[in-house]
C-alpha atoms as a PDB file:
ATOM      1  CA  UNK A   1     -23.589-145.820  81.695  1.00  0.00           C
ATOM      2  CA  UNK A   2     -23.710-142.011  81.631  1.00  0.00           C
ATOM      3  CA  UNK A   3     -27.291-140.860  81.514  1.00  0.00           C
ATOM      4  CA  UNK A   4     -28.447-143.982  83.348  1.00  0.00           C
ATOM      5  CA  UNK A   5     -31.049-143.208  85.964  1.00  0.00           C
ATOM      6  CA  UNK A   6     -33.145-144.912  88.577  1.00  0.00           C
ATOM      7  CA  UNK A   7     -36.411-143.432  89.890  1.00  0.00           C
ATOM      8  CA  UNK A   8     -37.953-145.213  92.865  1.00  0.00           C
ATOM      9  CA  UNK A   9     -40.116-145.040  95.964  1.00  0.00           C
ATOM     10  CA  UNK A  10     -38.627-146.346  99.183  1.00  0.00           C
ATOM     11  CA  UNK A  11     -39.855-146.694 102.741  1.00  0.00           C
ATOM     12  CA  UNK A  12     -37.624-144.177 104.511  1.00  0.00           C
ATOM     13  CA  UNK A  13     -38.009-145.937 107.829  1.00  0.00           C
ATOM     14  CA  UNK A  14     -36.542-143.858 110.669  1.00  0.00           C
ATOM     15  CA  UNK A  15     -36.367-140.909 108.230  1.00  0.00           C
ATOM     16  CA  UNK A  16     -33.538-142.234 106.067  1.00  0.00           C
ATOM     17  CA  UNK A  17     -32.448-144.416 103.193  1.00  0.00           C
ATOM     18  CA  UNK A  18     -29.028-145.627 102.067  1.00  0.00           C
ATOM     19  CA  UNK A  19     -27.128-145.574  98.776  1.00  0.00           C
ATOM     20  CA  UNK A  20     -24.272-148.064  99.146  1.00  0.00           C
ATOM     21  CA  UNK A  21     -21.635-150.090  97.405  1.00  0.00           C
ATOM     22  CA  UNK A  22     -22.840-152.960  99.525  1.00  0.00           C
ATOM     23  CA  UNK A  23     -20.039-155.540  99.537  1.00  0.00           C
ATOM     24  CA  UNK A  24     -17.194-153.091 100.371  1.00  0.00           C
ATOM     25  CA  UNK A  25     -19.474-151.317 102.851  1.00  0.00           C
ATOM     26  CA  UNK A  26     -20.312-154.600 104.612  1.00  0.00           C
ATOM     27  CA  UNK A  27     -16.590-155.473 104.763  1.00  0.00           C
ATOM     28  CA  UNK A  28     -15.857-152.054 106.285  1.00  0.00           C
ATOM     29  CA  UNK A  29     -18.697-152.545 108.798  1.00  0.00           C
ATOM     30  CA  UNK A  30     -17.335-155.971 109.789  1.00  0.00           C
ATOM     31  CA  UNK A  31     -14.140-154.226 110.887  1.00  0.00           C
ATOM     32  CA  UNK A  32     -15.511-150.922 112.257  1.00  0.00           C
ATOM     33  CA  UNK A  33     -19.136-151.443 113.379  1.00  0.00           C
ATOM     34  CA  UNK A  34     -18.252-151.674 117.059  1.00  0.00           C
ATOM     35  CA  UNK A  35     -15.985-148.606 117.075  1.00  0.00           C
ATOM     36  CA  UNK A  36     -17.515-146.345 119.748  1.00  0.00           C
ATOM     37  CA  UNK A  37     -15.963-143.252 118.113  1.00  0.00           C
ATOM     38  CA  UNK A  38     -17.934-143.710 114.874  1.00  0.00           C
ATOM     39  CA  UNK A  39     -21.578-142.563 114.732  1.00  0.00           C
ATOM     40  CA  UNK A  40     -24.064-145.055 113.243  1.00  0.00           C
ATOM     41  CA  UNK A  41     -24.597-144.491 109.487  1.00  0.00           C
ATOM     42  CA  UNK A  42     -22.393-141.406 109.683  1.00  0.00           C
ATOM     43  CA  UNK A  43     -25.058-139.474 111.614  1.00  0.00           C
ATOM     44  CA  UNK A  44     -22.986-136.934 113.522  1.00  0.00           C
ATOM     45  CA  UNK A  45     -24.787-133.980 115.118  1.00  0.00           C
ATOM     46  CA  UNK A  46     -23.631-131.808 112.195  1.00  0.00           C
ATOM     47  CA  UNK A  47     -24.879-134.424 109.704  1.00  0.00           C
ATOM     48  CA  UNK A  48     -28.336-134.461 111.310  1.00  0.00           C
ATOM     49  CA  UNK A  49     -28.805-130.700 111.639  1.00  0.00           C
ATOM     50  CA  UNK A  50     -26.767-129.240 108.766  1.00  0.00           C
ATOM     51  CA  UNK A  51     -25.755-131.745 106.069  1.00  0.00           C
ATOM     52  CA  UNK A  52     -28.880-133.937 106.176  1.00  0.00           C
ATOM     53  CA  UNK A  53     -26.724-136.816 104.934  1.00  0.00           C
ATOM     54  CA  UNK A  54     -24.557-139.286 106.829  1.00  0.00           C
ATOM     55  CA  UNK A  55     -21.338-140.367 105.123  1.00  0.00           C
ATOM     56  CA  UNK A  56     -19.341-143.543 105.709  1.00  0.00           C
ATOM     57  CA  UNK A  57     -16.932-145.384 103.403  1.00  0.00           C
ATOM     58  CA  UNK A  58     -18.876-146.719 100.406  1.00  0.00           C
ATOM     59  CA  UNK A  59     -22.164-145.333 101.765  1.00  0.00           C
ATOM     60  CA  UNK A  60     -24.338-142.240 101.920  1.00  0.00           C
ATOM     61  CA  UNK A  61     -27.360-142.134 104.217  1.00  0.00           C
ATOM     62  CA  UNK A  62     -29.964-139.636 103.015  1.00  0.00           C
ATOM     63  CA  UNK A  63     -32.008-138.045 105.787  1.00  0.00           C
ATOM     64  CA  UNK A  64     -35.639-137.545 104.820  1.00  0.00           C
ATOM     65  CA  UNK A  65     -38.280-135.128 106.062  1.00  0.00           C
ATOM     66  CA  UNK A  66     -40.752-137.999 106.433  1.00  0.00           C
ATOM     67  CA  UNK A  67     -40.746-141.450 108.013  1.00  0.00           C
ATOM     68  CA  UNK A  68     -42.759-142.708 105.080  1.00  0.00           C
ATOM     69  CA  UNK A  69     -42.573-143.646 101.409  1.00  0.00           C
ATOM     70  CA  UNK A  70     -40.366-141.086  99.674  1.00  0.00           C
ATOM     71  CA  UNK A  71     -39.454-140.584  96.045  1.00  0.00           C
ATOM     72  CA  UNK A  72     -35.887-140.457  94.802  1.00  0.00           C
ATOM     73  CA  UNK A  73     -34.091-140.144  91.482  1.00  0.00           C
ATOM     74  CA  UNK A  74     -30.473-141.216  90.978  1.00  0.00           C
ATOM     75  CA  UNK A  75     -28.854-140.043  87.726  1.00  0.00           C
ATOM     76  CA  UNK A  76     -25.370-140.794  86.442  1.00  0.00           C
ATOM     77  CA  UNK A  77     -23.555-137.996  84.563  1.00  0.00           C
ATOM     78  CA  UNK A  78     -20.175-137.674  82.822  1.00  0.00           C
ATOM     79  CA  UNK A  79     -19.427-134.444  84.731  1.00  0.00           C
ATOM     80  CA  UNK A  80     -21.036-132.252  87.364  1.00  0.00           C
ATOM     81  CA  UNK A  81     -24.531-131.188  86.255  1.00  0.00           C
ATOM     82  CA  UNK A  82     -26.090-127.798  86.956  1.00  0.00           C
ATOM     83  CA  UNK A  83     -27.460-127.395  90.449  1.00  0.00           C
ATOM     84  CA  UNK A  84     -31.231-127.965  90.573  1.00  0.00           C
ATOM     85  CA  UNK A  85     -32.657-124.427  90.764  1.00  0.00           C
ATOM     86  CA  UNK A  86     -35.749-125.422  92.764  1.00  0.00           C
ATOM     87  CA  UNK A  87     -33.847-127.446  95.392  1.00  0.00           C
ATOM     88  CA  UNK A  88     -34.298-126.256  98.961  1.00  0.00           C
ATOM     89  CA  UNK A  89     -31.133-127.964 100.205  1.00  0.00           C
ATOM     90  CA  UNK A  90     -28.096-129.220  98.247  1.00  0.00           C
ATOM     91  CA  UNK A  91     -25.085-131.108  99.606  1.00  0.00           C
ATOM     92  CA  UNK A  92     -22.194-132.969  97.949  1.00  0.00           C
ATOM     93  CA  UNK A  93     -19.964-135.785  99.186  1.00  0.00           C
ATOM     94  CA  UNK A  94     -17.628-138.398  97.756  1.00  0.00           C
ATOM     95  CA  UNK A  95     -18.699-142.005  97.285  1.00  0.00           C
ATOM     96  CA  UNK A  96     -16.036-144.617  96.568  1.00  0.00           C
ATOM     97  CA  UNK A  97     -17.468-147.497  94.492  1.00  0.00           C
ATOM     98  CA  UNK A  98     -15.461-150.697  94.060  1.00  0.00           C
ATOM     99  CA  UNK A  99     -18.107-153.138  92.768  1.00  0.00           C
ATOM    100  CA  UNK A 100     -19.762-151.026  90.068  1.00  0.00           C
ATOM    101  CA  UNK A 101     -23.220-151.435  91.610  1.00  0.00           C
ATOM    102  CA  UNK A 102     -25.013-149.128  94.044  1.00  0.00           C
ATOM    103  CA  UNK A 103     -27.765-150.645  96.169  1.00  0.00           C
ATOM    104  CA  UNK A 104     -30.578-148.677  97.794  1.00  0.00           C
ATOM    105  CA  UNK A 105     -32.096-149.782 101.095  1.00  0.00           C
ATOM    106  CA  UNK A 106     -33.342-148.403 104.419  1.00  0.00           C
ATOM    107  CA  UNK A 107     -33.861-149.675 107.960  1.00  0.00           C
ATOM    108  CA  UNK A 108     -37.157-151.107 106.678  1.00  0.00           C
ATOM    109  CA  UNK A 109     -35.993-152.308 103.238  1.00  0.00           C
ATOM    110  CA  UNK A 110     -33.496-155.150 102.929  1.00  0.00           C
ATOM    111  CA  UNK A 111     -30.767-154.426 100.332  1.00  0.00           C
ATOM    112  CA  UNK A 112     -31.786-157.589  98.462  1.00  0.00           C
ATOM    113  CA  UNK A 113     -35.265-156.080  97.995  1.00  0.00           C
ATOM    114  CA  UNK A 114     -34.185-152.535  97.149  1.00  0.00           C
ATOM    115  CA  UNK A 115     -33.368-151.085  93.742  1.00  0.00           C
ATOM    116  CA  UNK A 116     -29.828-151.017  92.350  1.00  0.00           C
ATOM    117  CA  UNK A 117     -27.954-149.153  89.624  1.00  0.00           C
ATOM    118  CA  UNK A 118     -24.791-150.012  87.670  1.00  0.00           C
ATOM    119  CA  UNK A 119     -22.212-147.208  87.955  1.00  0.00           C
ATOM    120  CA  UNK A 120     -18.526-146.802  87.066  1.00  0.00           C
ATOM    121  CA  UNK A 121     -16.023-148.057  89.617  1.00  0.00           C
ATOM    122  CA  UNK A 122     -13.813-145.548  91.355  1.00  0.00           C
ATOM    123  CA  UNK A 123     -14.462-142.253  93.059  1.00  0.00           C
ATOM    124  CA  UNK A 124     -17.833-140.639  92.380  1.00  0.00           C
ATOM    125  CA  UNK A 125     -19.083-137.272  93.515  1.00  0.00           C
ATOM    126  CA  UNK A 126     -22.657-137.413  94.805  1.00  0.00           C
ATOM    127  CA  UNK A 127     -24.886-134.341  94.926  1.00  0.00           C
ATOM    128  CA  UNK A 128     -28.024-134.812  97.018  1.00  0.00           C
ATOM    129  CA  UNK A 129     -30.726-132.214  96.305  1.00  0.00           C
ATOM    130  CA  UNK A 130     -33.928-131.838  98.302  1.00  0.00           C
ATOM    131  CA  UNK A 131     -36.472-130.706  95.715  1.00  0.00           C
ATOM    132  CA  UNK A 132     -39.935-129.769  97.068  1.00  0.00           C
ATOM    133  CA  UNK A 133     -42.579-132.013  95.481  1.00  0.00           C
ATOM    134  CA  UNK A 134     -46.095-133.340  95.776  1.00  0.00           C
ATOM    135  CA  UNK A 135     -46.907-136.543  97.643  1.00  0.00           C
ATOM    136  CA  UNK A 136     -46.245-139.753  95.709  1.00  0.00           C
ATOM    137  CA  UNK A 137     -49.233-141.171  93.849  1.00  0.00           C
ATOM    138  CA  UNK A 138     -49.335-144.180  96.204  1.00  0.00           C
ATOM    139  CA  UNK A 139     -50.881-144.319  99.662  1.00  0.00           C
ATOM    140  CA  UNK A 140     -48.589-143.107 102.408  1.00  0.00           C
ATOM    141  CA  UNK A 141     -49.146-143.201 106.127  1.00  0.00           C
ATOM    142  CA  UNK A 142     -50.111-139.509 106.100  1.00  0.00           C
ATOM    143  CA  UNK A 143     -47.557-138.662 108.764  1.00  0.00           C
ATOM    144  CA  UNK A 144     -45.938-135.270 109.269  1.00  0.00           C
ATOM    145  CA  UNK A 145     -43.191-133.798 107.144  1.00  0.00           C
ATOM    146  CA  UNK A 146     -42.711-132.074 103.841  1.00  0.00           C
ATOM    147  CA  UNK A 147     -42.581-133.980 100.572  1.00  0.00           C
ATOM    148  CA  UNK A 148     -39.339-133.860  98.590  1.00  0.00           C
ATOM    149  CA  UNK A 149     -37.883-135.550  95.569  1.00  0.00           C
ATOM    150  CA  UNK A 150     -34.484-136.713  96.816  1.00  0.00           C
ATOM    151  CA  UNK A 151     -32.418-136.196  93.690  1.00  0.00           C
ATOM    152  CA  UNK A 152     -28.969-137.800  93.702  1.00  0.00           C
ATOM    153  CA  UNK A 153     -26.656-136.827  90.846  1.00  0.00           C
ATOM    154  CA  UNK A 154     -23.461-138.872  90.451  1.00  0.00           C
ATOM    155  CA  UNK A 155     -20.391-138.281  88.301  1.00  0.00           C
ATOM    156  CA  UNK A 156     -16.857-139.671  88.198  1.00  0.00           C
ATOM    157  CA  UNK A 157     -14.056-137.602  89.677  1.00  0.00           C
ATOM    158  CA  UNK A 158     -10.331-138.143  90.093  1.00  0.00           C
ATOM    159  CA  UNK A 159      -9.973-135.838  93.078  1.00  0.00           C
ATOM    160  CA  UNK A 160     -11.325-136.436  96.583  1.00  0.00           C
ATOM    161  CA  UNK A 161     -13.226-133.469  98.021  1.00  0.00           C
ATOM    162  CA  UNK A 162     -14.690-132.575 101.376  1.00  0.00           C
ATOM    163  CA  UNK A 163     -18.380-132.670 102.087  1.00  0.00           C
ATOM    164  CA  UNK A 164     -19.883-129.411 100.854  1.00  0.00           C
ATOM    165  CA  UNK A 165     -23.233-127.815 101.632  1.00  0.00           C
ATOM    166  CA  UNK A 166     -23.993-125.874  98.456  1.00  0.00           C
ATOM    167  CA  UNK A 167     -27.400-124.570  99.564  1.00  0.00           C
ATOM    168  CA  UNK A 168     -28.541-124.672 103.171  1.00  0.00           C
ATOM    169  CA  UNK A 169     -32.239-125.330 103.683  1.00  0.00           C
ATOM    170  CA  UNK A 170     -34.211-123.974 106.641  1.00  0.00           C
ATOM    171  CA  UNK A 171     -33.703-125.241 110.151  1.00  0.00           C
ATOM    172  CA  UNK A 172     -35.508-127.038 111.639  1.00  0.00           C
ATOM    173  CA  UNK A 173     -36.328-128.806 108.427  1.00  0.00           C
ATOM    174  CA  UNK A 174     -38.124-132.095 109.125  1.00  0.00           C
ATOM    175  CA  UNK A 175     -41.541-132.602 110.634  1.00  0.00           C
END
């Protein structure tokens, strides 16, 4: 599986898309979705303004600079790759995968219609890099916001780690 990758366009409706181990995530949501102390999709104030990702068990929500079609690349590695030198913003978080399949969706894309990628089960480290890019080759709605390639590098780890902002992009950043 190492070296496997998935490049895709997704409608980042409401400025976000999700990378999830869907079945365990849905089971967690069945138990915790109505908890008033938990922010939806992990979007705490700090997540919105600093991390740019929301983290929940079995799920990472990637905040995007556009409410539009965005391009992303997910790559599986054996160990932590070098940090993308041209990335404006880089953040890492843990992603616990039980099923061996990650599903990509958004508020406007049903998980059954989104792309998926086979990955090892267990604890993965996910590095989300915001790499400035050109607009996708397809028509977009022409709305505001910078274009980025949302690069997600994954690798197995045996040690849980805290969320880490490795490179802080400018603020405000979207729009």
